[in-house]
């Protein structure tokens, strides 16, 4: 799945004027909706060009891959409104880039350039704007050639234990490994490797 914007930008953020009239319960549960790329069993790619700010950046942080054009600018400017990022931004950003950088971005409203996003591990790739679609299609092709079952399991294990103690992560990884060993896709993967041919995964 690919999430993208329109008009040369990913998104400049939420509808700020509506924030004052939005019900409190709607605002406090917004994070659940924004986290939908994380819950999706399929790989989700954020195709980012131009501005990627506020809740839009939070949505991108919930994706599995962020492919940026060289002109991309990412940020969480909510503190300038007397607010903080409320849809996972404080948590995902700090886990991905570290506490010090997250404080710099959030508390000082600093923009993250595409170059820094790549250096910090936020972006999977940075390409010229004219090559963005080609880069996204290349990643789609790479993922489409793999086992959907294995991809879904890898995503689930990584998402569930990236901030858990090591022993918990190792236990879940071992359980997932055992489950995948019984799948048709694993058998196909091994047999195709031995037979020196491309695998034909069926997702089961």
N, C-alpha and C. Protein backbone atom coordinates (compact mmCIF):
# COMPACT_ATOMS: atom_id res chain seq x y z
N UNK A 1 0.85 -1.18 0.00
CA UNK A 1 0.00 0.00 0.00
C UNK A 1 0.89 1.24 0.00
N UNK A 2 0.43 2.26 -0.70
CA UNK A 2 1.19 3.51 -0.80
C UNK A 2 0.30 4.67 -0.36
N UNK A 3 0.79 5.48 0.57
CA UNK A 3 0.11 6.70 0.97
C UNK A 3 0.84 7.88 0.33
N UNK A 4 0.11 8.75 -0.30
CA UNK A 4 0.72 9.89 -0.96
C UNK A 4 -0.19 11.10 -0.87
N UNK A 5 0.37 12.25 -1.19
CA UNK A 5 -0.42 13.47 -1.16
C UNK A 5 -0.78 13.91 -2.56
N UNK A 6 -1.09 15.18 -2.72
CA UNK A 6 -1.45 15.72 -4.04
C UNK A 6 -0.87 17.11 -4.18
N UNK A 7 -0.68 17.53 -5.42
CA UNK A 7 -0.21 18.88 -5.66
C UNK A 7 1.21 19.14 -5.24
N UNK A 8 2.05 18.10 -5.27
CA UNK A 8 3.46 18.28 -4.96
C UNK A 8 3.80 18.31 -3.49
N UNK A 9 2.87 17.89 -2.64
CA UNK A 9 3.15 17.83 -1.21
C UNK A 9 2.47 16.62 -0.59
N UNK A 10 3.05 16.09 0.49
CA UNK A 10 2.44 14.96 1.18
C UNK A 10 1.25 15.48 1.98
N UNK A 11 1.49 16.38 2.91
CA UNK A 11 0.43 17.11 3.60
C UNK A 11 1.06 18.18 4.48
N UNK A 12 0.40 19.31 4.56
CA UNK A 12 0.88 20.40 5.41
C UNK A 12 0.35 20.28 6.82
N UNK A 13 -0.43 19.22 7.11
CA UNK A 13 -0.94 19.02 8.47
C UNK A 13 -2.45 19.03 8.53
N UNK A 14 -2.96 19.16 9.74
CA UNK A 14 -4.40 19.11 9.96
C UNK A 14 -5.09 20.44 9.70
N UNK A 15 -6.40 20.43 9.82
CA UNK A 15 -7.23 21.63 9.67
C UNK A 15 -7.21 22.38 11.00
N UNK A 16 -6.26 23.30 11.13
CA UNK A 16 -6.01 23.94 12.42
C UNK A 16 -7.23 24.70 12.93
N UNK A 17 -7.95 25.36 12.04
CA UNK A 17 -9.10 26.17 12.46
C UNK A 17 -10.17 25.31 13.14
N UNK A 18 -10.22 24.02 12.80
CA UNK A 18 -11.26 23.16 13.36
C UNK A 18 -10.88 22.58 14.73
N UNK A 19 -9.65 22.79 15.14
CA UNK A 19 -9.19 22.18 16.40
C UNK A 19 -9.99 22.66 17.61
N UNK A 20 -10.37 23.93 17.63
CA UNK A 20 -11.08 24.47 18.79
C UNK A 20 -12.48 23.89 18.94
N UNK A 21 -13.10 23.51 17.82
CA UNK A 21 -14.48 23.01 17.88
C UNK A 21 -14.55 21.48 17.90
N UNK A 22 -13.43 20.81 17.70
CA UNK A 22 -13.44 19.34 17.68
C UNK A 22 -13.67 18.80 19.09
N UNK A 23 -14.54 17.78 19.24
CA UNK A 23 -14.79 17.19 20.56
C UNK A 23 -13.50 16.63 21.15
N UNK A 24 -13.36 16.72 22.46
CA UNK A 24 -12.15 16.25 23.14
C UNK A 24 -11.92 14.77 22.88
N UNK A 25 -13.00 13.96 22.96
CA UNK A 25 -12.82 12.52 22.77
C UNK A 25 -12.36 12.20 21.35
N UNK A 26 -12.76 13.02 20.40
CA UNK A 26 -12.33 12.82 19.02
C UNK A 26 -10.84 13.10 18.88
N UNK A 27 -10.36 14.13 19.56
CA UNK A 27 -8.95 14.48 19.49
C UNK A 27 -8.07 13.46 20.21
N UNK A 28 -8.55 12.94 21.34
CA UNK A 28 -7.72 12.03 22.12
C UNK A 28 -7.64 10.64 21.50
N UNK A 29 -8.56 10.32 20.59
CA UNK A 29 -8.53 9.00 19.94
C UNK A 29 -8.01 9.07 18.50
N UNK A 30 -7.59 10.26 18.08
CA UNK A 30 -7.09 10.42 16.73
C UNK A 30 -5.88 9.52 16.47
N UNK A 31 -5.09 9.30 17.51
CA UNK A 31 -3.89 8.47 17.37
C UNK A 31 -4.22 7.06 16.88
N UNK A 32 -5.40 6.55 17.25
CA UNK A 32 -5.78 5.21 16.82
C UNK A 32 -5.95 5.16 15.30
N UNK A 33 -6.58 6.18 14.75
CA UNK A 33 -6.77 6.24 13.30
C UNK A 33 -5.44 6.42 12.57
N UNK A 34 -4.60 7.29 13.10
CA UNK A 34 -3.31 7.56 12.47
C UNK A 34 -2.41 6.32 12.50
N UNK A 35 -2.64 5.45 13.46
CA UNK A 35 -1.82 4.23 13.59
C UNK A 35 -2.26 3.12 12.65
N UNK A 36 -3.25 3.35 11.80
CA UNK A 36 -3.75 2.28 10.95
C UNK A 36 -2.68 1.68 10.02
N UNK A 37 -1.71 2.45 9.50
CA UNK A 37 -0.67 1.81 8.70
C UNK A 37 0.14 0.78 9.49
N UNK A 38 0.30 1.04 10.78
CA UNK A 38 1.04 0.11 11.63
C UNK A 38 0.26 -1.19 11.82
N UNK A 39 -1.07 -1.08 11.93
CA UNK A 39 -1.90 -2.27 12.15
C UNK A 39 -2.14 -3.06 10.87
N UNK A 40 -1.99 -2.42 9.74
CA UNK A 40 -2.22 -3.09 8.47
C UNK A 40 -1.23 -4.24 8.30
N UNK A 41 -1.72 -5.40 7.86
CA UNK A 41 -0.83 -6.55 7.71
C UNK A 41 0.07 -6.43 6.49
N UNK A 42 -0.29 -5.56 5.55
CA UNK A 42 0.53 -5.37 4.35
C UNK A 42 1.60 -4.30 4.60
N UNK A 43 2.70 -4.34 3.87
CA UNK A 43 3.67 -3.25 3.96
C UNK A 43 3.04 -1.95 3.48
N UNK A 44 3.32 -0.85 4.19
CA UNK A 44 2.77 0.45 3.83
C UNK A 44 3.92 1.42 3.59
N UNK A 45 3.90 2.06 2.42
CA UNK A 45 4.94 3.00 2.01
C UNK A 45 4.37 4.41 2.03
N UNK A 46 5.08 5.33 2.67
CA UNK A 46 4.74 6.75 2.59
C UNK A 46 5.57 7.36 1.47
N UNK A 47 4.90 7.87 0.45
CA UNK A 47 5.57 8.54 -0.67
C UNK A 47 5.56 10.03 -0.36
N UNK A 48 6.70 10.56 0.05
CA UNK A 48 6.75 11.91 0.62
C UNK A 48 7.47 12.89 -0.31
N UNK A 49 6.76 13.95 -0.67
CA UNK A 49 7.37 15.06 -1.40
C UNK A 49 6.86 16.35 -0.78
N UNK A 50 7.66 17.38 -0.88
CA UNK A 50 7.24 18.66 -0.34
C UNK A 50 7.04 18.61 1.17
N UNK A 51 5.98 19.27 1.65
CA UNK A 51 5.74 19.34 3.09
C UNK A 51 5.15 18.03 3.63
N UNK A 52 5.65 17.63 4.78
CA UNK A 52 5.11 16.48 5.51
C UNK A 52 5.12 16.90 6.98
N UNK A 53 4.05 17.57 7.39
CA UNK A 53 4.03 18.24 8.69
C UNK A 53 2.87 17.78 9.56
N UNK A 54 3.02 17.99 10.85
CA UNK A 54 1.95 17.73 11.80
C UNK A 54 1.43 16.31 11.75
N UNK A 55 0.11 16.20 11.71
CA UNK A 55 -0.50 14.87 11.73
C UNK A 55 -0.12 14.06 10.49
N UNK A 56 0.21 14.76 9.40
CA UNK A 56 0.68 14.06 8.20
C UNK A 56 2.00 13.36 8.45
N UNK A 57 2.90 14.01 9.17
CA UNK A 57 4.17 13.40 9.53
C UNK A 57 3.93 12.24 10.49
N UNK A 58 2.98 12.41 11.40
CA UNK A 58 2.66 11.33 12.33
C UNK A 58 2.14 10.11 11.57
N UNK A 59 1.34 10.35 10.54
CA UNK A 59 0.85 9.26 9.70
C UNK A 59 2.02 8.57 9.00
N UNK A 60 2.94 9.36 8.48
CA UNK A 60 4.11 8.80 7.80
C UNK A 60 4.98 7.99 8.76
N UNK A 61 5.07 8.45 10.02
CA UNK A 61 5.87 7.73 11.01
C UNK A 61 5.28 6.36 11.31
N UNK A 62 3.98 6.20 11.11
CA UNK A 62 3.33 4.92 11.35
C UNK A 62 3.48 3.95 10.18
N UNK A 63 4.03 4.43 9.06
CA UNK A 63 4.23 3.58 7.89
C UNK A 63 5.51 2.77 8.04
N UNK A 64 5.64 1.76 7.21
CA UNK A 64 6.80 0.88 7.28
C UNK A 64 8.01 1.46 6.56
N UNK A 65 7.76 2.17 5.47
CA UNK A 65 8.83 2.75 4.65
C UNK A 65 8.45 4.19 4.32
N UNK A 66 9.45 5.07 4.36
CA UNK A 66 9.25 6.47 3.98
C UNK A 66 10.26 6.78 2.88
N UNK A 67 9.73 7.00 1.68
CA UNK A 67 10.58 7.33 0.54
C UNK A 67 10.34 8.81 0.22
N UNK A 68 11.42 9.59 0.29
CA UNK A 68 11.30 11.04 0.20
C UNK A 68 11.94 11.60 -1.06
N UNK A 69 11.35 12.65 -1.57
CA UNK A 69 12.01 13.43 -2.60
C UNK A 69 13.01 14.36 -1.92
N UNK A 70 13.97 14.84 -2.68
CA UNK A 70 15.03 15.67 -2.10
C UNK A 70 14.51 16.98 -1.52
N UNK A 71 13.33 17.42 -1.95
CA UNK A 71 12.78 18.68 -1.45
C UNK A 71 11.86 18.50 -0.24
N UNK A 72 11.76 17.29 0.26
CA UNK A 72 10.84 17.03 1.37
C UNK A 72 11.27 17.75 2.65
N UNK A 73 10.28 18.25 3.38
CA UNK A 73 10.50 18.86 4.69
C UNK A 73 9.54 18.22 5.68
N UNK A 74 10.07 17.66 6.75
CA UNK A 74 9.27 16.96 7.73
C UNK A 74 9.32 17.70 9.05
N UNK A 75 8.22 17.69 9.79
CA UNK A 75 8.24 18.38 11.06
C UNK A 75 6.96 18.24 11.85
N UNK A 76 7.05 18.60 13.12
CA UNK A 76 5.92 18.57 14.05
C UNK A 76 5.84 19.95 14.74
N UNK A 77 5.15 20.90 14.13
CA UNK A 77 5.15 22.28 14.61
C UNK A 77 4.09 22.61 15.66
N UNK A 78 3.42 21.60 16.21
CA UNK A 78 2.26 21.84 17.08
C UNK A 78 2.54 22.72 18.29
N UNK A 79 3.78 22.70 18.80
CA UNK A 79 4.08 23.47 20.01
C UNK A 79 3.86 24.96 19.79
N UNK A 80 3.95 25.39 18.52
CA UNK A 80 3.69 26.79 18.20
C UNK A 80 2.24 27.18 18.37
N UNK A 81 1.36 26.18 18.49
CA UNK A 81 -0.07 26.43 18.73
C UNK A 81 -0.43 26.25 20.20
N UNK A 82 0.59 26.04 21.04
CA UNK A 82 0.31 25.75 22.44
C UNK A 82 -0.15 24.32 22.63
N UNK A 83 0.28 23.43 21.75
CA UNK A 83 -0.15 22.04 21.76
C UNK A 83 1.07 21.15 21.53
N UNK A 84 0.90 19.87 21.67
CA UNK A 84 1.96 18.92 21.33
C UNK A 84 1.43 17.97 20.25
N UNK A 85 2.30 17.27 19.55
CA UNK A 85 1.82 16.24 18.64
C UNK A 85 1.00 15.22 19.43
N UNK A 86 -0.20 14.91 18.95
CA UNK A 86 -1.09 14.05 19.74
C UNK A 86 -1.52 12.78 19.05
N UNK A 87 -0.85 12.43 17.95
CA UNK A 87 -1.23 11.23 17.22
C UNK A 87 -0.04 10.29 17.03
N UNK A 88 0.75 10.21 18.09
CA UNK A 88 1.89 9.29 18.07
C UNK A 88 3.22 9.95 17.78
N UNK A 89 3.22 11.24 17.48
CA UNK A 89 4.46 11.91 17.08
C UNK A 89 5.53 11.92 18.14
N UNK A 90 5.16 12.22 19.39
CA UNK A 90 6.18 12.27 20.44
C UNK A 90 6.79 10.88 20.68
N UNK A 91 5.98 9.85 20.53
CA UNK A 91 6.45 8.50 20.84
C UNK A 91 7.22 7.86 19.70
N UNK A 92 6.66 7.91 18.49
CA UNK A 92 7.34 7.24 17.36
C UNK A 92 8.62 7.96 16.97
N UNK A 93 8.59 9.29 16.96
CA UNK A 93 9.78 10.03 16.56
C UNK A 93 10.93 9.76 17.52
N UNK A 94 10.67 9.79 18.82
CA UNK A 94 11.73 9.55 19.80
C UNK A 94 12.29 8.13 19.67
N UNK A 95 11.44 7.17 19.39
CA UNK A 95 11.91 5.79 19.25
C UNK A 95 12.74 5.61 17.98
N UNK A 96 12.41 6.38 16.95
CA UNK A 96 13.11 6.22 15.67
C UNK A 96 14.41 7.00 15.60
N UNK A 97 14.45 8.19 16.20
CA UNK A 97 15.65 9.03 16.04
C UNK A 97 16.36 9.34 17.35
N UNK A 98 15.79 8.93 18.48
CA UNK A 98 16.41 9.22 19.77
C UNK A 98 15.75 10.41 20.45
N UNK A 99 15.86 10.44 21.77
CA UNK A 99 15.17 11.45 22.58
C UNK A 99 15.67 12.86 22.31
N UNK A 100 16.98 13.04 22.21
CA UNK A 100 17.54 14.38 22.02
C UNK A 100 17.07 15.00 20.71
N UNK A 101 17.15 14.24 19.62
CA UNK A 101 16.71 14.77 18.33
C UNK A 101 15.21 15.04 18.33
N UNK A 102 14.44 14.14 18.95
CA UNK A 102 12.99 14.35 19.01
C UNK A 102 12.64 15.63 19.76
N UNK A 103 13.34 15.89 20.86
CA UNK A 103 13.09 17.14 21.59
C UNK A 103 13.44 18.35 20.73
N UNK A 104 14.52 18.26 19.99
CA UNK A 104 14.93 19.36 19.12
C UNK A 104 13.86 19.65 18.06
N UNK A 105 13.32 18.60 17.48
CA UNK A 105 12.32 18.76 16.43
C UNK A 105 11.00 19.27 17.00
N UNK A 106 10.56 18.68 18.10
CA UNK A 106 9.24 19.00 18.65
C UNK A 106 9.24 20.30 19.45
N UNK A 107 10.22 20.46 20.34
CA UNK A 107 10.19 21.60 21.26
C UNK A 107 10.71 22.89 20.62
N UNK A 108 11.46 22.75 19.52
CA UNK A 108 11.97 23.94 18.82
C UNK A 108 11.34 24.11 17.43
N UNK A 109 10.40 23.24 17.10
CA UNK A 109 9.71 23.27 15.80
C UNK A 109 10.69 23.19 14.63
N UNK A 110 11.71 22.40 14.79
CA UNK A 110 12.71 22.31 13.73
C UNK A 110 12.23 21.43 12.59
N UNK A 111 12.47 21.84 11.37
CA UNK A 111 12.15 21.06 10.19
C UNK A 111 13.27 20.04 9.93
N UNK A 112 12.90 18.88 9.49
CA UNK A 112 13.87 17.85 9.13
C UNK A 112 13.97 17.82 7.61
N UNK A 113 15.15 18.05 7.10
CA UNK A 113 15.35 17.97 5.65
C UNK A 113 15.36 16.51 5.22
N UNK A 114 15.18 16.28 3.94
CA UNK A 114 15.24 14.91 3.43
C UNK A 114 16.60 14.29 3.70
N UNK A 115 17.65 15.11 3.57
CA UNK A 115 19.01 14.62 3.83
C UNK A 115 19.17 14.16 5.27
N UNK A 116 18.67 14.96 6.22
CA UNK A 116 18.75 14.56 7.63
C UNK A 116 17.86 13.36 7.91
N UNK A 117 16.68 13.32 7.28
CA UNK A 117 15.78 12.18 7.48
C UNK A 117 16.47 10.87 7.10
N UNK A 118 17.23 10.90 6.02
CA UNK A 118 17.97 9.71 5.60
C UNK A 118 19.08 9.39 6.59
N UNK A 119 19.82 10.40 7.01
CA UNK A 119 20.93 10.20 7.93
C UNK A 119 20.45 9.70 9.29
N UNK A 120 19.27 10.15 9.71
CA UNK A 120 18.73 9.76 11.00
C UNK A 120 17.99 8.41 10.97
N UNK A 121 17.83 7.84 9.79
CA UNK A 121 17.11 6.58 9.68
C UNK A 121 15.60 6.74 9.56
N UNK A 122 15.11 7.97 9.37
CA UNK A 122 13.67 8.19 9.19
C UNK A 122 13.22 7.82 7.79
N UNK A 123 14.05 8.14 6.81
CA UNK A 123 13.73 7.85 5.42
C UNK A 123 14.44 6.59 4.96
N UNK A 124 13.72 5.76 4.23
CA UNK A 124 14.33 4.57 3.64
C UNK A 124 15.20 4.95 2.46
N UNK A 125 14.73 5.93 1.69
CA UNK A 125 15.46 6.41 0.52
C UNK A 125 15.13 7.87 0.30
N UNK A 126 16.08 8.60 -0.31
CA UNK A 126 15.84 9.96 -0.77
C UNK A 126 16.27 10.03 -2.22
N UNK A 127 15.38 10.51 -3.07
CA UNK A 127 15.65 10.54 -4.51
C UNK A 127 15.22 11.90 -5.07
N UNK A 128 15.72 12.27 -6.25
CA UNK A 128 15.22 13.49 -6.89
C UNK A 128 13.71 13.40 -7.11
N UNK A 129 13.04 14.54 -7.08
CA UNK A 129 11.58 14.56 -7.20
C UNK A 129 11.09 13.82 -8.43
N UNK A 130 11.81 13.95 -9.54
CA UNK A 130 11.36 13.30 -10.77
C UNK A 130 11.54 11.78 -10.72
N UNK A 131 12.31 11.29 -9.75
CA UNK A 131 12.51 9.85 -9.64
C UNK A 131 11.73 9.20 -8.51
N UNK A 132 10.84 9.99 -7.87
CA UNK A 132 10.11 9.48 -6.70
C UNK A 132 9.19 8.32 -7.06
N UNK A 133 8.40 8.47 -8.10
CA UNK A 133 7.49 7.39 -8.48
C UNK A 133 8.25 6.12 -8.85
N UNK A 134 9.34 6.28 -9.55
CA UNK A 134 10.14 5.12 -9.94
C UNK A 134 10.70 4.40 -8.71
N UNK A 135 11.15 5.17 -7.72
CA UNK A 135 11.68 4.57 -6.50
C UNK A 135 10.59 3.81 -5.75
N UNK A 136 9.40 4.40 -5.67
CA UNK A 136 8.28 3.73 -4.99
C UNK A 136 7.91 2.45 -5.72
N UNK A 137 7.83 2.51 -7.04
CA UNK A 137 7.49 1.31 -7.82
C UNK A 137 8.53 0.22 -7.65
N UNK A 138 9.80 0.61 -7.51
CA UNK A 138 10.85 -0.38 -7.31
C UNK A 138 10.68 -1.09 -5.98
N UNK A 139 10.35 -0.34 -4.93
CA UNK A 139 10.13 -0.96 -3.62
C UNK A 139 8.90 -1.87 -3.66
N UNK A 140 7.84 -1.42 -4.34
CA UNK A 140 6.64 -2.25 -4.48
C UNK A 140 7.00 -3.57 -5.17
N UNK A 141 7.79 -3.49 -6.23
CA UNK A 141 8.18 -4.70 -6.96
C UNK A 141 8.99 -5.64 -6.07
N UNK A 142 9.90 -5.08 -5.28
CA UNK A 142 10.71 -5.90 -4.38
C UNK A 142 9.82 -6.63 -3.37
N UNK A 143 8.89 -5.90 -2.78
CA UNK A 143 8.01 -6.49 -1.75
C UNK A 143 7.03 -7.48 -2.36
N UNK A 144 6.55 -7.18 -3.56
CA UNK A 144 5.56 -8.06 -4.21
C UNK A 144 6.13 -9.42 -4.56
N UNK A 145 7.44 -9.50 -4.69
CA UNK A 145 8.08 -10.77 -5.04
C UNK A 145 8.30 -11.66 -3.82
N UNK A 146 7.98 -11.15 -2.64
CA UNK A 146 8.23 -11.89 -1.40
C UNK A 146 6.95 -12.52 -0.85
N UNK A 147 7.12 -13.38 0.13
CA UNK A 147 5.98 -14.05 0.74
C UNK A 147 5.14 -13.08 1.56
N UNK A 148 3.85 -12.92 1.24
CA UNK A 148 3.00 -12.04 2.04
C UNK A 148 2.91 -12.48 3.50
N UNK A 149 2.94 -13.80 3.71
CA UNK A 149 2.85 -14.33 5.07
C UNK A 149 4.09 -13.93 5.87
N UNK A 150 5.25 -14.10 5.27
CA UNK A 150 6.49 -13.77 5.96
C UNK A 150 6.60 -12.26 6.19
N UNK A 151 6.19 -11.45 5.22
CA UNK A 151 6.23 -10.01 5.38
C UNK A 151 5.31 -9.56 6.53
N UNK A 152 4.11 -10.11 6.57
CA UNK A 152 3.17 -9.75 7.63
C UNK A 152 3.71 -10.16 8.99
N UNK A 153 4.33 -11.32 9.07
CA UNK A 153 4.87 -11.79 10.34
C UNK A 153 6.06 -10.95 10.77
N UNK A 154 6.94 -10.62 9.82
CA UNK A 154 8.09 -9.79 10.15
C UNK A 154 7.64 -8.43 10.67
N UNK A 155 6.65 -7.84 10.01
CA UNK A 155 6.13 -6.54 10.43
C UNK A 155 5.54 -6.63 11.82
N UNK A 156 4.79 -7.69 12.07
CA UNK A 156 4.15 -7.84 13.38
C UNK A 156 5.18 -7.99 14.49
N UNK A 157 6.18 -8.83 14.27
CA UNK A 157 7.22 -9.04 15.29
C UNK A 157 7.99 -7.74 15.54
N UNK A 158 8.40 -7.07 14.47
CA UNK A 158 9.17 -5.83 14.63
C UNK A 158 8.36 -4.76 15.36
N UNK A 159 7.09 -4.59 14.98
CA UNK A 159 6.27 -3.54 15.60
C UNK A 159 5.96 -3.83 17.06
N UNK A 160 5.74 -5.09 17.39
CA UNK A 160 5.31 -5.43 18.75
C UNK A 160 6.45 -5.42 19.76
N UNK A 161 7.66 -5.62 19.32
CA UNK A 161 8.73 -5.79 20.32
C UNK A 161 9.89 -4.82 20.19
N UNK A 162 9.75 -3.79 19.35
CA UNK A 162 10.91 -2.90 19.17
C UNK A 162 11.24 -2.11 20.42
N UNK A 163 10.31 -1.97 21.36
CA UNK A 163 10.62 -1.30 22.62
C UNK A 163 10.43 -2.24 23.81
N UNK A 164 10.36 -3.54 23.54
CA UNK A 164 10.22 -4.53 24.60
C UNK A 164 11.60 -5.03 25.05
N UNK A 165 11.69 -5.64 26.21
CA UNK A 165 12.97 -6.24 26.63
C UNK A 165 13.42 -7.30 25.62
N UNK A 166 14.72 -7.49 25.52
CA UNK A 166 15.28 -8.41 24.53
C UNK A 166 14.70 -9.81 24.66
N UNK A 167 14.54 -10.30 25.87
CA UNK A 167 14.06 -11.69 26.02
C UNK A 167 12.63 -11.85 25.51
N UNK A 168 11.82 -10.80 25.63
CA UNK A 168 10.46 -10.85 25.10
C UNK A 168 10.50 -10.90 23.57
N UNK A 169 11.34 -10.05 22.99
CA UNK A 169 11.48 -10.04 21.54
C UNK A 169 11.98 -11.37 21.00
N UNK A 170 12.94 -11.95 21.68
CA UNK A 170 13.49 -13.23 21.22
C UNK A 170 12.45 -14.34 21.31
N UNK A 171 11.63 -14.30 22.36
CA UNK A 171 10.57 -15.31 22.51
C UNK A 171 9.56 -15.19 21.38
N UNK A 172 9.12 -13.97 21.09
CA UNK A 172 8.12 -13.77 20.03
C UNK A 172 8.71 -14.11 18.66
N UNK A 173 9.96 -13.73 18.46
CA UNK A 173 10.62 -14.07 17.20
C UNK A 173 10.67 -15.59 17.01
N UNK A 174 11.01 -16.31 18.07
CA UNK A 174 11.07 -17.76 17.99
C UNK A 174 9.72 -18.39 17.68
N UNK A 175 8.68 -17.87 18.32
CA UNK A 175 7.33 -18.38 18.05
C UNK A 175 6.93 -18.12 16.60
N UNK A 176 7.22 -16.92 16.11
CA UNK A 176 6.89 -16.58 14.73
C UNK A 176 7.67 -17.46 13.75
N UNK A 177 8.92 -17.71 14.08
CA UNK A 177 9.76 -18.57 13.23
C UNK A 177 9.14 -19.96 13.11
N UNK A 178 8.67 -20.47 14.25
CA UNK A 178 8.05 -21.80 14.25
C UNK A 178 6.76 -21.84 13.44
N UNK A 179 5.96 -20.77 13.53
CA UNK A 179 4.71 -20.71 12.77
C UNK A 179 5.01 -20.68 11.27
N UNK A 180 5.97 -19.86 10.87
CA UNK A 180 6.28 -19.74 9.44
C UNK A 180 6.86 -21.03 8.87
N UNK A 181 7.51 -21.82 9.70
CA UNK A 181 8.11 -23.06 9.22
C UNK A 181 7.05 -24.03 8.68
N UNK A 182 5.83 -23.87 9.13
CA UNK A 182 4.76 -24.78 8.70
C UNK A 182 3.99 -24.26 7.49
N UNK A 183 4.40 -23.13 6.91
CA UNK A 183 3.63 -22.55 5.81
C UNK A 183 4.07 -23.10 4.45
N UNK A 184 3.15 -23.05 3.50
CA UNK A 184 3.47 -23.43 2.13
C UNK A 184 4.52 -22.49 1.52
N UNK A 185 4.44 -21.22 1.90
CA UNK A 185 5.40 -20.25 1.36
C UNK A 185 6.84 -20.59 1.77
N UNK A 186 7.02 -21.04 3.00
CA UNK A 186 8.37 -21.40 3.44
C UNK A 186 8.88 -22.60 2.64
N UNK A 187 8.01 -23.59 2.46
CA UNK A 187 8.41 -24.76 1.66
C UNK A 187 8.77 -24.34 0.23
N UNK A 188 7.95 -23.46 -0.33
CA UNK A 188 8.22 -22.98 -1.68
C UNK A 188 9.54 -22.20 -1.73
N UNK A 189 9.80 -21.40 -0.70
CA UNK A 189 11.03 -20.62 -0.66
C UNK A 189 12.25 -21.51 -0.64
N UNK A 190 12.21 -22.56 0.18
CA UNK A 190 13.35 -23.48 0.27
C UNK A 190 13.50 -24.27 -1.02
N UNK A 191 12.39 -24.79 -1.52
CA UNK A 191 12.46 -25.62 -2.73
C UNK A 191 12.93 -24.80 -3.93
N UNK A 192 12.46 -23.58 -4.06
CA UNK A 192 12.88 -22.74 -5.19
C UNK A 192 14.37 -22.40 -5.09
N UNK A 193 14.85 -22.21 -3.86
CA UNK A 193 16.27 -21.93 -3.67
C UNK A 193 17.12 -23.12 -4.10
N UNK A 194 16.71 -24.30 -3.66
CA UNK A 194 17.45 -25.52 -3.99
C UNK A 194 17.40 -25.78 -5.50
N UNK A 195 16.24 -25.51 -6.09
CA UNK A 195 16.07 -25.77 -7.53
C UNK A 195 16.55 -24.61 -8.40
N UNK A 196 17.07 -23.56 -7.76
CA UNK A 196 17.63 -22.40 -8.48
C UNK A 196 16.62 -21.77 -9.45
N UNK A 197 15.42 -21.48 -8.92
CA UNK A 197 14.38 -20.83 -9.72
C UNK A 197 13.70 -19.77 -8.85
N UNK A 198 13.03 -18.81 -9.47
CA UNK A 198 12.31 -17.79 -8.68
C UNK A 198 11.17 -18.44 -7.91
N UNK A 199 10.93 -18.06 -6.68
CA UNK A 199 9.81 -18.62 -5.90
C UNK A 199 8.47 -18.09 -6.39
N UNK A 200 7.44 -18.90 -6.20
CA UNK A 200 6.07 -18.49 -6.51
C UNK A 200 5.26 -18.57 -5.22
N UNK A 201 5.29 -17.51 -4.46
CA UNK A 201 4.61 -17.49 -3.17
C UNK A 201 3.10 -17.31 -3.35
N UNK A 202 2.35 -18.00 -2.53
CA UNK A 202 0.89 -17.96 -2.60
C UNK A 202 0.24 -17.26 -1.40
N UNK A 203 1.04 -16.88 -0.43
CA UNK A 203 0.49 -16.21 0.74
C UNK A 203 -0.21 -17.13 1.71
N UNK A 204 0.30 -18.37 1.79
CA UNK A 204 -0.29 -19.28 2.77
C UNK A 204 0.75 -20.27 3.29
